[in-house]
Amino acid sequence: MRLFVCLALCLLLAACAKPARDQLLEENYKAMTDTGLVRYFYDLDDAIEACEYRSRPDNGGVGMSVGGGWWSGGGAGLGLGVTRDSQDHCDSTELRQRRTDVRMEMDRRGVKP
């Protein structure tokens, strides 16, 4: 049961990834405090990394697989695998541009990441 809950949570988080990216791009970084700006810079960095990881060809694929087995001596096992659609392409260009803009704002304010 815990495995199912964990899998459901992972799928839910993966489904919410794109809106989080859009939300990052909608932020007004010029109105942020220095601390908020640094945090935002690192959030952008994390979003770029996640976006580019999702877009790698070796992370594609489609499907779900379930396997199980019963071994002599009373042992049993169950495995579950999920892969994302290879069409899950994420373009990090806007995120990279925003990170550059934020870095320039940090330099202007004299704030170091």
PDB file of N, CA and C in Angstrom:
ATOM      1  N   MET A   1       0.827  -1.185   0.000  1.00  0.00           N
ATOM      2  CA  MET A   1       0.000   0.000   0.000  1.00  0.00           C
ATOM      3  C   MET A   1       0.880   1.260   0.000  1.00  0.00           C
ATOM      4  N   ARG A   2       1.960   1.245   0.790  1.00  0.00           N
ATOM      5  CA  ARG A   2       2.847   2.407   0.833  1.00  0.00           C
ATOM      6  C   ARG A   2       3.474   2.667  -0.525  1.00  0.00           C
ATOM      7  N   LEU A   3       3.797   1.597  -1.239  1.00  0.00           N
ATOM      8  CA  LEU A   3       4.383   1.742  -2.567  1.00  0.00           C
ATOM      9  C   LEU A   3       3.404   2.445  -3.494  1.00  0.00           C
ATOM     10  N   PHE A   4       2.145   2.059  -3.422  1.00  0.00           N
ATOM     11  CA  PHE A   4       1.126   2.678  -4.261  1.00  0.00           C
ATOM     12  C   PHE A   4       0.983   4.167  -3.939  1.00  0.00           C
ATOM     13  N   VAL A   5       0.979   4.520  -2.660  1.00  0.00           N
ATOM     14  CA  VAL A   5       0.855   5.917  -2.248  1.00  0.00           C
ATOM     15  C   VAL A   5       2.070   6.707  -2.730  1.00  0.00           C
ATOM     16  N   CYS A   6       3.255   6.122  -2.601  1.00  0.00           N
ATOM     17  CA  CYS A   6       4.483   6.783  -3.053  1.00  0.00           C
ATOM     18  C   CYS A   6       4.457   6.999  -4.571  1.00  0.00           C
ATOM     19  N   LEU A   7       4.020   5.983  -5.306  1.00  0.00           N
ATOM     20  CA  LEU A   7       3.924   6.092  -6.755  1.00  0.00           C
ATOM     21  C   LEU A   7       2.918   7.165  -7.149  1.00  0.00           C
ATOM     22  N   ALA A   8       1.775   7.188  -6.489  1.00  0.00           N
ATOM     23  CA  ALA A   8       0.753   8.191  -6.792  1.00  0.00           C
ATOM     24  C   ALA A   8       1.281   9.603  -6.519  1.00  0.00           C
ATOM     25  N   LEU A   9       2.022   9.762  -5.433  1.00  0.00           N
ATOM     26  CA  LEU A   9       2.598  11.060  -5.101  1.00  0.00           C
ATOM     27  C   LEU A   9       3.624  11.486  -6.144  1.00  0.00           C
ATOM     28  N   CYS A  10       4.460  10.563  -6.581  1.00  0.00           N
ATOM     29  CA  CYS A  10       5.462  10.875  -7.608  1.00  0.00           C
ATOM     30  C   CYS A  10       4.797  11.298  -8.915  1.00  0.00           C
ATOM     31  N   LEU A  11       3.747  10.591  -9.310  1.00  0.00           N
ATOM     32  CA  LEU A  11       3.040  10.942 -10.539  1.00  0.00           C
ATOM     33  C   LEU A  11       2.371  12.308 -10.412  1.00  0.00           C
ATOM     34  N   LEU A  12       1.820  12.593  -9.256  1.00  0.00           N
ATOM     35  CA  LEU A  12       1.186  13.890  -9.017  1.00  0.00           C
ATOM     36  C   LEU A  12       2.216  15.012  -9.096  1.00  0.00           C
ATOM     37  N   LEU A  13       3.368  14.819  -8.490  1.00  0.00           N
ATOM     38  CA  LEU A  13       4.420  15.834  -8.539  1.00  0.00           C
ATOM     39  C   LEU A  13       4.919  16.047  -9.965  1.00  0.00           C
ATOM     40  N   ALA A  14       5.037  14.969 -10.725  1.00  0.00           N
ATOM     41  CA  ALA A  14       5.479  15.088 -12.109  1.00  0.00           C
ATOM     42  C   ALA A  14       4.458  15.851 -12.942  1.00  0.00           C
ATOM     43  N   ALA A  15       3.181  15.643 -12.660  1.00  0.00           N
ATOM     44  CA  ALA A  15       2.130  16.342 -13.391  1.00  0.00           C
ATOM     45  C   ALA A  15       2.108  17.827 -13.060  1.00  0.00           C
ATOM     46  N   CYS A  16       2.563  18.190 -11.881  1.00  0.00           N
ATOM     47  CA  CYS A  16       2.539  19.594 -11.448  1.00  0.00           C
ATOM     48  C   CYS A  16       3.801  20.347 -11.839  1.00  0.00           C
ATOM     49  N   ALA A  17       4.756  19.692 -12.464  1.00  0.00           N
ATOM     50  CA  ALA A  17       6.045  20.328 -12.744  1.00  0.00           C
ATOM     51  C   ALA A  17       5.931  21.496 -13.714  1.00  0.00           C
ATOM     52  N   LYS A  18       5.136  21.370 -14.747  1.00  0.00           N
ATOM     53  CA  LYS A  18       5.049  22.438 -15.720  1.00  0.00           C
ATOM     54  C   LYS A  18       4.395  23.688 -15.139  1.00  0.00           C
ATOM     55  N   PRO A  19       3.292  23.593 -14.415  1.00  0.00           N
ATOM     56  CA  PRO A  19       2.734  24.804 -13.821  1.00  0.00           C
ATOM     57  C   PRO A  19       3.714  25.496 -12.866  1.00  0.00           C
ATOM     58  N   ALA A  20       4.539  24.745 -12.166  1.00  0.00           N
ATOM     59  CA  ALA A  20       5.527  25.350 -11.271  1.00  0.00           C
ATOM     60  C   ALA A  20       6.536  26.150 -12.089  1.00  0.00           C
ATOM     61  N   ARG A  21       6.907  25.651 -13.247  1.00  0.00           N
ATOM     62  CA  ARG A  21       7.825  26.352 -14.142  1.00  0.00           C
ATOM     63  C   ARG A  21       7.194  27.662 -14.591  1.00  0.00           C
ATOM     64  N   ASP A  22       5.944  27.602 -14.985  1.00  0.00           N
ATOM     65  CA  ASP A  22       5.242  28.806 -15.413  1.00  0.00           C
ATOM     66  C   ASP A  22       5.115  29.805 -14.267  1.00  0.00           C
ATOM     67  N   GLN A  23       4.875  29.300 -13.077  1.00  0.00           N
ATOM     68  CA  GLN A  23       4.758  30.164 -11.913  1.00  0.00           C
ATOM     69  C   GLN A  23       6.078  30.883 -11.642  1.00  0.00           C
ATOM     70  N   LEU A  24       7.181  30.198 -11.801  1.00  0.00           N
ATOM     71  CA  LEU A  24       8.491  30.827 -11.617  1.00  0.00           C
ATOM     72  C   LEU A  24       8.685  31.985 -12.591  1.00  0.00           C
ATOM     73  N   LEU A  25       8.244  31.783 -13.825  1.00  0.00           N
ATOM     74  CA  LEU A  25       8.432  32.816 -14.837  1.00  0.00           C
ATOM     75  C   LEU A  25       7.519  34.016 -14.625  1.00  0.00           C
ATOM     76  N   GLU A  26       6.440  33.838 -13.871  1.00  0.00           N
ATOM     77  CA  GLU A  26       5.507  34.935 -13.604  1.00  0.00           C
ATOM     78  C   GLU A  26       5.922  35.797 -12.411  1.00  0.00           C
ATOM     79  N   GLU A  27       6.903  35.354 -11.645  1.00  0.00           N
ATOM     80  CA  GLU A  27       7.341  36.097 -10.457  1.00  0.00           C
ATOM     81  C   GLU A  27       7.961  37.444 -10.844  1.00  0.00           C
ATOM     82  N   ASN A  28       7.732  38.457 -10.031  1.00  0.00           N
ATOM     83  CA  ASN A  28       8.335  39.779 -10.223  1.00  0.00           C
ATOM     84  C   ASN A  28       9.592  39.858  -9.360  1.00  0.00           C
ATOM     85  N   TYR A  29      10.703  39.489  -9.940  1.00  0.00           N
ATOM     86  CA  TYR A  29      11.946  39.408  -9.168  1.00  0.00           C
ATOM     87  C   TYR A  29      12.473  40.779  -8.755  1.00  0.00           C
ATOM     88  N   LYS A  30      12.100  41.822  -9.461  1.00  0.00           N
ATOM     89  CA  LYS A  30      12.588  43.157  -9.111  1.00  0.00           C
ATOM     90  C   LYS A  30      11.972  43.674  -7.822  1.00  0.00           C
ATOM     91  N   ALA A  31      10.831  43.131  -7.433  1.00  0.00           N
ATOM     92  CA  ALA A  31      10.169  43.563  -6.198  1.00  0.00           C
ATOM     93  C   ALA A  31      10.553  42.695  -5.000  1.00  0.00           C
ATOM     94  N   MET A  32      11.416  41.696  -5.209  1.00  0.00           N
ATOM     95  CA  MET A  32      11.796  40.783  -4.129  1.00  0.00           C
ATOM     96  C   MET A  32      12.847  41.397  -3.214  1.00  0.00           C
ATOM     97  N   THR A  33      12.870  40.910  -1.992  1.00  0.00           N
ATOM     98  CA  THR A  33      13.949  41.281  -1.068  1.00  0.00           C
ATOM     99  C   THR A  33      15.235  40.613  -1.548  1.00  0.00           C
ATOM    100  N   ASP A  34      16.363  41.012  -1.016  1.00  0.00           N
ATOM    101  CA  ASP A  34      17.633  40.397  -1.404  1.00  0.00           C
ATOM    102  C   ASP A  34      17.628  38.898  -1.116  1.00  0.00           C
ATOM    103  N   THR A  35      17.132  38.524   0.049  1.00  0.00           N
ATOM    104  CA  THR A  35      17.070  37.099   0.417  1.00  0.00           C
ATOM    105  C   THR A  35      16.141  36.340  -0.515  1.00  0.00           C
ATOM    106  N   GLY A  36      14.998  36.933  -0.823  1.00  0.00           N
ATOM    107  CA  GLY A  36      14.044  36.305  -1.739  1.00  0.00           C
ATOM    108  C   GLY A  36      14.625  36.155  -3.135  1.00  0.00           C
ATOM    109  N   LEU A  37      15.415  37.147  -3.548  1.00  0.00           N
ATOM    110  CA  LEU A  37      16.035  37.105  -4.870  1.00  0.00           C
ATOM    111  C   LEU A  37      17.039  35.962  -4.971  1.00  0.00           C
ATOM    112  N   VAL A  38      17.823  35.772  -3.923  1.00  0.00           N
ATOM    113  CA  VAL A  38      18.792  34.668  -3.914  1.00  0.00           C
ATOM    114  C   VAL A  38      18.058  33.329  -3.948  1.00  0.00           C
ATOM    115  N   ARG A  39      17.011  33.201  -3.156  1.00  0.00           N
ATOM    116  CA  ARG A  39      16.222  31.963  -3.148  1.00  0.00           C
ATOM    117  C   ARG A  39      15.615  31.717  -4.535  1.00  0.00           C
ATOM    118  N   TYR A  40      15.109  32.771  -5.156  1.00  0.00           N
ATOM    119  CA  TYR A  40      14.515  32.678  -6.493  1.00  0.00           C
ATOM    120  C   TYR A  40      15.562  32.246  -7.520  1.00  0.00           C
ATOM    121  N   PHE A  41      16.781  32.775  -7.403  1.00  0.00           N
ATOM    122  CA  PHE A  41      17.869  32.388  -8.298  1.00  0.00           C
ATOM    123  C   PHE A  41      18.111  30.879  -8.224  1.00  0.00           C
ATOM    124  N   TYR A  42      18.159  30.349  -7.003  1.00  0.00           N
ATOM    125  CA  TYR A  42      18.388  28.912  -6.840  1.00  0.00           C
ATOM    126  C   TYR A  42      17.175  28.093  -7.274  1.00  0.00           C
ATOM    127  N   ASP A  43      15.974  28.611  -7.097  1.00  0.00           N
ATOM    128  CA  ASP A  43      14.775  27.919  -7.588  1.00  0.00           C
ATOM    129  C   ASP A  43      14.806  27.815  -9.110  1.00  0.00           C
ATOM    130  N   LEU A  44      15.226  28.888  -9.761  1.00  0.00           N
ATOM    131  CA  LEU A  44      15.363  28.851 -11.221  1.00  0.00           C
ATOM    132  C   LEU A  44      16.413  27.830 -11.639  1.00  0.00           C
ATOM    133  N   ASP A  45      17.525  27.808 -10.931  1.00  0.00           N
ATOM    134  CA  ASP A  45      18.590  26.856 -11.227  1.00  0.00           C
ATOM    135  C   ASP A  45      18.079  25.412 -11.110  1.00  0.00           C
ATOM    136  N   ASP A  46      17.321  25.143 -10.040  1.00  0.00           N
ATOM    137  CA  ASP A  46      16.746  23.800  -9.848  1.00  0.00           C
ATOM    138  C   ASP A  46      15.744  23.465 -10.951  1.00  0.00           C
ATOM    139  N   ALA A  47      14.937  24.441 -11.349  1.00  0.00           N
ATOM    140  CA  ALA A  47      13.940  24.211 -12.398  1.00  0.00           C
ATOM    141  C   ALA A  47      14.615  23.931 -13.739  1.00  0.00           C
ATOM    142  N   ILE A  48      15.708  24.620 -14.024  1.00  0.00           N
ATOM    143  CA  ILE A  48      16.458  24.371 -15.265  1.00  0.00           C
ATOM    144  C   ILE A  48      17.007  22.952 -15.263  1.00  0.00           C
ATOM    145  N   GLU A  49      17.592  22.563 -14.142  1.00  0.00           N
ATOM    146  CA  GLU A  49      18.155  21.210 -14.043  1.00  0.00           C
ATOM    147  C   GLU A  49      17.071  20.147 -14.218  1.00  0.00           C
ATOM    148  N   ALA A  50      15.934  20.334 -13.570  1.00  0.00           N
ATOM    149  CA  ALA A  50      14.833  19.374 -13.679  1.00  0.00           C
ATOM    150  C   ALA A  50      14.293  19.324 -15.105  1.00  0.00           C
ATOM    151  N   CYS A  51      14.166  20.476 -15.728  1.00  0.00           N
ATOM    152  CA  CYS A  51      13.665  20.556 -17.097  1.00  0.00           C
ATOM    153  C   CYS A  51      14.603  19.824 -18.058  1.00  0.00           C
ATOM    154  N   GLU A  52      15.876  20.087 -17.932  1.00  0.00           N
ATOM    155  CA  GLU A  52      16.832  19.459 -18.839  1.00  0.00           C
ATOM    156  C   GLU A  52      16.984  17.972 -18.569  1.00  0.00           C
ATOM    157  N   TYR A  53      16.825  17.551 -17.328  1.00  0.00           N
ATOM    158  CA  TYR A  53      16.881  16.128 -17.013  1.00  0.00           C
ATOM    159  C   TYR A  53      15.705  15.405 -17.659  1.00  0.00           C
ATOM    160  N   ARG A  54      14.507  16.010 -17.560  1.00  0.00           N
ATOM    161  CA  ARG A  54      13.311  15.395 -18.144  1.00  0.00           C
ATOM    162  C   ARG A  54      13.423  15.286 -19.646  1.00  0.00           C
ATOM    163  N   SER A  55      14.155  16.205 -20.273  1.00  0.00           N
ATOM    164  CA  SER A  55      14.214  16.263 -21.730  1.00  0.00           C
ATOM    165  C   SER A  55      15.306  15.390 -22.330  1.00  0.00           C
ATOM    166  N   ARG A  56      16.148  14.793 -21.513  1.00  0.00           N
ATOM    167  CA  ARG A  56      17.204  13.931 -22.053  1.00  0.00           C
ATOM    168  C   ARG A  56      16.582  12.726 -22.745  1.00  0.00           C
ATOM    169  N   PRO A  57      17.157  12.316 -23.887  1.00  0.00           N
ATOM    170  CA  PRO A  57      16.621  11.173 -24.625  1.00  0.00           C
ATOM    171  C   PRO A  57      16.615   9.880 -23.809  1.00  0.00           C
ATOM    172  N   ASP A  58      17.584   9.691 -22.937  1.00  0.00           N
ATOM    173  CA  ASP A  58      17.649   8.443 -22.180  1.00  0.00           C
ATOM    174  C   ASP A  58      16.627   8.393 -21.046  1.00  0.00           C
ATOM    175  N   ASN A  59      15.881   9.483 -20.828  1.00  0.00           N
ATOM    176  CA  ASN A  59      14.861   9.498 -19.786  1.00  0.00           C
ATOM    177  C   ASN A  59      13.461   9.368 -20.361  1.00  0.00           C
ATOM    178  N   GLY A  60      13.347   9.100 -21.651  1.00  0.00           N
ATOM    179  CA  GLY A  60      12.046   8.986 -22.298  1.00  0.00           C
ATOM    180  C   GLY A  60      11.469   7.604 -22.147  1.00  0.00           C
ATOM    181  N   GLY A  61      10.431   7.341 -22.912  1.00  0.00           N
ATOM    182  CA  GLY A  61       9.789   6.051 -22.874  1.00  0.00           C
ATOM    183  C   GLY A  61       8.337   6.196 -22.490  1.00  0.00           C
ATOM    184  N   VAL A  62       7.598   5.145 -22.766  1.00  0.00           N
ATOM    185  CA  VAL A  62       6.181   5.162 -22.462  1.00  0.00           C
ATOM    186  C   VAL A  62       5.836   3.847 -21.808  1.00  0.00           C
ATOM    187  N   GLY A  63       5.083   3.895 -20.750  1.00  0.00           N
ATOM    188  CA  GLY A  63       4.553   2.662 -20.232  1.00  0.00           C
ATOM    189  C   GLY A  63       4.649   2.493 -18.740  1.00  0.00           C
ATOM    190  N   MET A  64       3.990   1.448 -18.321  1.00  0.00           N
ATOM    191  CA  MET A  64       4.000   1.049 -16.924  1.00  0.00           C
ATOM    192  C   MET A  64       4.133  -0.464 -16.928  1.00  0.00           C
ATOM    193  N   SER A  65       4.939  -0.965 -16.056  1.00  0.00           N
ATOM    194  CA  SER A  65       5.092  -2.412 -15.981  1.00  0.00           C
ATOM    195  C   SER A  65       4.998  -2.864 -14.533  1.00  0.00           C
ATOM    196  N   VAL A  66       4.418  -4.034 -14.376  1.00  0.00           N
ATOM    197  CA  VAL A  66       4.266  -4.618 -13.053  1.00  0.00           C
ATOM    198  C   VAL A  66       4.777  -6.048 -13.138  1.00  0.00           C
ATOM    199  N   GLY A  67       5.554  -6.441 -12.164  1.00  0.00           N
ATOM    200  CA  GLY A  67       6.045  -7.812 -12.133  1.00  0.00           C
ATOM    201  C   GLY A  67       6.033  -8.344 -10.722  1.00  0.00           C
ATOM    202  N   GLY A  68       5.937  -9.615 -10.619  1.00  0.00           N
ATOM    203  CA  GLY A  68       5.914 -10.209  -9.294  1.00  0.00           C
ATOM    204  C   GLY A  68       6.421 -11.633  -9.357  1.00  0.00           C
ATOM    205  N   GLY A  69       6.639 -12.197  -8.219  1.00  0.00           N
ATOM    206  CA  GLY A  69       7.107 -13.574  -8.179  1.00  0.00           C
ATOM    207  C   GLY A  69       6.926 -14.177  -6.814  1.00  0.00           C
ATOM    208  N   TRP A  70       6.949 -15.503  -6.810  1.00  0.00           N
ATOM    209  CA  TRP A  70       6.823 -16.258  -5.572  1.00  0.00           C
ATOM    210  C   TRP A  70       7.974 -17.235  -5.542  1.00  0.00           C
ATOM    211  N   TRP A  71       8.702 -17.239  -4.441  1.00  0.00           N
ATOM    212  CA  TRP A  71       9.850 -18.112  -4.325  1.00  0.00           C
ATOM    213  C   TRP A  71       9.580 -19.173  -3.278  1.00  0.00           C
ATOM    214  N   SER A  72      10.208 -20.311  -3.478  1.00  0.00           N
ATOM    215  CA  SER A  72      10.048 -21.376  -2.488  1.00  0.00           C
ATOM    216  C   SER A  72      10.602 -20.906  -1.156  1.00  0.00           C
ATOM    217  N   GLY A  73      10.012 -21.334  -0.102  1.00  0.00           N
ATOM    218  CA  GLY A  73      10.427 -20.892   1.220  1.00  0.00           C
ATOM    219  C   GLY A  73       9.587 -19.728   1.722  1.00  0.00           C
ATOM    220  N   GLY A  74       8.542 -19.364   0.997  1.00  0.00           N
ATOM    221  CA  GLY A  74       7.626 -18.335   1.474  1.00  0.00           C
ATOM    222  C   GLY A  74       7.960 -16.919   1.074  1.00  0.00           C
ATOM    223  N   GLY A  75       8.895 -16.714   0.169  1.00  0.00           N
ATOM    224  CA  GLY A  75       9.230 -15.348  -0.238  1.00  0.00           C
ATOM    225  C   GLY A  75       8.386 -14.900  -1.415  1.00  0.00           C
ATOM    226  N   ALA A  76       8.080 -13.629  -1.450  1.00  0.00           N
ATOM    227  CA  ALA A  76       7.313 -13.058  -2.551  1.00  0.00           C
ATOM    228  C   ALA A  76       7.861 -11.677  -2.857  1.00  0.00           C
ATOM    229  N   GLY A  77       7.633 -11.227  -4.052  1.00  0.00           N
ATOM    230  CA  GLY A  77       8.102  -9.900  -4.422  1.00  0.00           C
ATOM    231  C   GLY A  77       7.197  -9.280  -5.456  1.00  0.00           C
ATOM    232  N   LEU A  78       7.203  -7.966  -5.491  1.00  0.00           N
ATOM    233  CA  LEU A  78       6.401  -7.219  -6.448  1.00  0.00           C
ATOM    234  C   LEU A  78       7.224  -6.037  -6.919  1.00  0.00           C
ATOM    235  N   GLY A  79       7.247  -5.810  -8.206  1.00  0.00           N
ATOM    236  CA  GLY A  79       7.968  -4.664  -8.747  1.00  0.00           C
ATOM    237  C   GLY A  79       7.044  -3.837  -9.617  1.00  0.00           C
ATOM    238  N   LEU A  80       7.248  -2.541  -9.617  1.00  0.00           N
ATOM    239  CA  LEU A  80       6.428  -1.633 -10.400  1.00  0.00           C
ATOM    240  C   LEU A  80       7.335  -0.596 -11.032  1.00  0.00           C
ATOM    241  N   GLY A  81       7.204  -0.397 -12.327  1.00  0.00           N
ATOM    242  CA  GLY A  81       8.010   0.604 -13.016  1.00  0.00           C
ATOM    243  C   GLY A  81       7.138   1.507 -13.850  1.00  0.00           C
ATOM    244  N   VAL A  82       7.467   2.795 -13.849  1.00  0.00           N
ATOM    245  CA  VAL A  82       6.710   3.774 -14.625  1.00  0.00           C
ATOM    246  C   VAL A  82       7.696   4.614 -15.411  1.00  0.00           C
ATOM    247  N   THR A  83       7.404   4.850 -16.681  1.00  0.00           N
ATOM    248  CA  THR A  83       8.231   5.736 -17.490  1.00  0.00           C
ATOM    249  C   THR A  83       7.350   6.822 -18.080  1.00  0.00           C
ATOM    250  N   ARG A  84       7.950   7.976 -18.322  1.00  0.00           N
ATOM    251  CA  ARG A  84       7.212   9.098 -18.895  1.00  0.00           C
ATOM    252  C   ARG A  84       7.201   9.004 -20.405  1.00  0.00           C
ATOM    253  N   ASP A  85       6.289   9.743 -20.981  1.00  0.00           N
ATOM    254  CA  ASP A  85       6.183   9.846 -22.425  1.00  0.00           C
ATOM    255  C   ASP A  85       7.422  10.546 -22.966  1.00  0.00           C
ATOM    256  N   SER A  86       7.950  10.056 -24.057  1.00  0.00           N
ATOM    257  CA  SER A  86       9.132  10.674 -24.645  1.00  0.00           C
ATOM    258  C   SER A  86       8.808  12.051 -25.229  1.00  0.00           C
ATOM    259  N   GLN A  87       7.543  12.402 -25.341  1.00  0.00           N
ATOM    260  CA  GLN A  87       7.140  13.718 -25.831  1.00  0.00           C
ATOM    261  C   GLN A  87       7.215  14.778 -24.737  1.00  0.00           C
ATOM    262  N   ASP A  88       7.657  14.402 -23.540  1.00  0.00           N
ATOM    263  CA  ASP A  88       7.733  15.321 -22.405  1.00  0.00           C
ATOM    264  C   ASP A  88       8.965  16.214 -22.555  1.00  0.00           C
ATOM    265  N   HIS A  89       8.981  17.013 -23.610  1.00  0.00           N
ATOM    266  CA  HIS A  89      10.124  17.886 -23.878  1.00  0.00           C
ATOM    267  C   HIS A  89       9.935  19.196 -23.138  1.00  0.00           C
ATOM    268  N   CYS A  90      10.974  19.629 -22.493  1.00  0.00           N
ATOM    269  CA  CYS A  90      10.930  20.876 -21.734  1.00  0.00           C
ATOM    270  C   CYS A  90      12.014  21.795 -22.289  1.00  0.00           C
ATOM    271  N   ASP A  91      11.626  22.963 -22.720  1.00  0.00           N
ATOM    272  CA  ASP A  91      12.576  23.942 -23.239  1.00  0.00           C
ATOM    273  C   ASP A  91      12.969  24.884 -22.104  1.00  0.00           C
ATOM    274  N   SER A  92      14.226  24.869 -21.739  1.00  0.00           N
ATOM    275  CA  SER A  92      14.701  25.667 -20.606  1.00  0.00           C
ATOM    276  C   SER A  92      15.167  27.065 -21.004  1.00  0.00           C
ATOM    277  N   THR A  93      14.947  27.467 -22.253  1.00  0.00           N
ATOM    278  CA  THR A  93      15.443  28.756 -22.735  1.00  0.00           C
ATOM    279  C   THR A  93      14.913  29.926 -21.910  1.00  0.00           C
ATOM    280  N   GLU A  94      13.606  29.955 -21.654  1.00  0.00           N
ATOM    281  CA  GLU A  94      13.026  31.061 -20.885  1.00  0.00           C
ATOM    282  C   GLU A  94      13.540  31.073 -19.446  1.00  0.00           C
ATOM    283  N   LEU A  95      13.684  29.878 -18.870  1.00  0.00           N
ATOM    284  CA  LEU A  95      14.214  29.791 -17.508  1.00  0.00           C
ATOM    285  C   LEU A  95      15.647  30.295 -17.444  1.00  0.00           C
ATOM    286  N   ARG A  96      16.442  29.932 -18.437  1.00  0.00           N
ATOM    287  CA  ARG A  96      17.837  30.384 -18.477  1.00  0.00           C
ATOM    288  C   ARG A  96      17.917  31.906 -18.636  1.00  0.00           C
ATOM    289  N   GLN A  97      17.059  32.458 -19.484  1.00  0.00           N
ATOM    290  CA  GLN A  97      17.056  33.908 -19.675  1.00  0.00           C
ATOM    291  C   GLN A  97      16.647  34.613 -18.381  1.00  0.00           C
ATOM    292  N   ARG A  98      15.638  34.070 -17.704  1.00  0.00           N
ATOM    293  CA  ARG A  98      15.203  34.677 -16.443  1.00  0.00           C
ATOM    294  C   ARG A  98      16.313  34.590 -15.407  1.00  0.00           C
ATOM    295  N   ARG A  99      17.027  33.456 -15.359  1.00  0.00           N
ATOM    296  CA  ARG A  99      18.128  33.325 -14.401  1.00  0.00           C
ATOM    297  C   ARG A  99      19.217  34.359 -14.678  1.00  0.00           C
ATOM    298  N   THR A 100      19.498  34.607 -15.956  1.00  0.00           N
ATOM    299  CA  THR A 100      20.476  35.635 -16.323  1.00  0.00           C
ATOM    300  C   THR A 100      20.004  37.012 -15.869  1.00  0.00           C
ATOM    301  N   ASP A 101      18.717  37.303 -16.086  1.00  0.00           N
ATOM    302  CA  ASP A 101      18.165  38.593 -15.659  1.00  0.00           C
ATOM    303  C   ASP A 101      18.247  38.750 -14.141  1.00  0.00           C
ATOM    304  N   VAL A 102      17.940  37.672 -13.434  1.00  0.00           N
ATOM    305  CA  VAL A 102      17.997  37.705 -11.970  1.00  0.00           C
ATOM    306  C   VAL A 102      19.436  37.902 -11.507  1.00  0.00           C
ATOM    307  N   ARG A 103      20.363  37.239 -12.164  1.00  0.00           N
ATOM    308  CA  ARG A 103      21.779  37.395 -11.802  1.00  0.00           C
ATOM    309  C   ARG A 103      22.244  38.838 -12.008  1.00  0.00           C
ATOM    310  N   MET A 104      21.772  39.455 -13.084  1.00  0.00           N
ATOM    311  CA  MET A 104      22.122  40.850 -13.334  1.00  0.00           C
ATOM    312  C   MET A 104      21.522  41.764 -12.254  1.00  0.00           C
ATOM    313  N   GLU A 105      20.307  41.472 -11.828  1.00  0.00           N
ATOM    314  CA  GLU A 105      19.678  42.240 -10.752  1.00  0.00           C
ATOM    315  C   GLU A 105      20.443  42.048  -9.451  1.00  0.00           C
ATOM    316  N   MET A 106      20.905  40.833  -9.195  1.00  0.00           N
ATOM    317  CA  MET A 106      21.697  40.573  -7.994  1.00  0.00           C
ATOM    318  C   MET A 106      23.001  41.354  -8.042  1.00  0.00           C
ATOM    319  N   ASP A 107      23.655  41.388  -9.191  1.00  0.00           N
ATOM    320  CA  ASP A 107      24.896  42.146  -9.343  1.00  0.00           C
ATOM    321  C   ASP A 107      24.653  43.634  -9.121  1.00  0.00           C
ATOM    322  N   ARG A 108      23.532  44.131  -9.655  1.00  0.00           N
ATOM    323  CA  ARG A 108      23.182  45.537  -9.509  1.00  0.00           C
ATOM    324  C   ARG A 108      23.006  45.898  -8.024  1.00  0.00           C
ATOM    325  N   ARG A 109      22.404  44.958  -7.266  1.00  0.00           N
ATOM    326  CA  ARG A 109      22.168  45.209  -5.840  1.00  0.00           C
ATOM    327  C   ARG A 109      23.389  44.894  -4.974  1.00  0.00           C
ATOM    328  N   GLY A 110      24.376  44.227  -5.560  1.00  0.00           N
ATOM    329  CA  GLY A 110      25.544  43.821  -4.781  1.00  0.00           C
ATOM    330  C   GLY A 110      25.288  42.589  -3.926  1.00  0.00           C
ATOM    331  N   VAL A 111      24.382  41.740  -4.391  1.00  0.00           N
ATOM    332  CA  VAL A 111      24.007  40.520  -3.659  1.00  0.00           C
ATOM    333  C   VAL A 111      24.721  39.337  -4.300  1.00  0.00           C
ATOM    334  N   LYS A 112      25.300  38.487  -3.474  1.00  0.00           N
ATOM    335  CA  LYS A 112      26.007  37.292  -3.957  1.00  0.00           C
ATOM    336  C   LYS A 112      25.161  36.055  -3.681  1.00  0.00           C
ATOM    337  N   PRO A 113      25.129  35.122  -4.646  1.00  0.00           N
ATOM    338  CA  PRO A 113      24.368  33.875  -4.417  1.00  0.00           C
ATOM    339  C   PRO A 113      25.058  32.953  -3.438  1.00  0.00           C
TER     340      PRO A 113
END
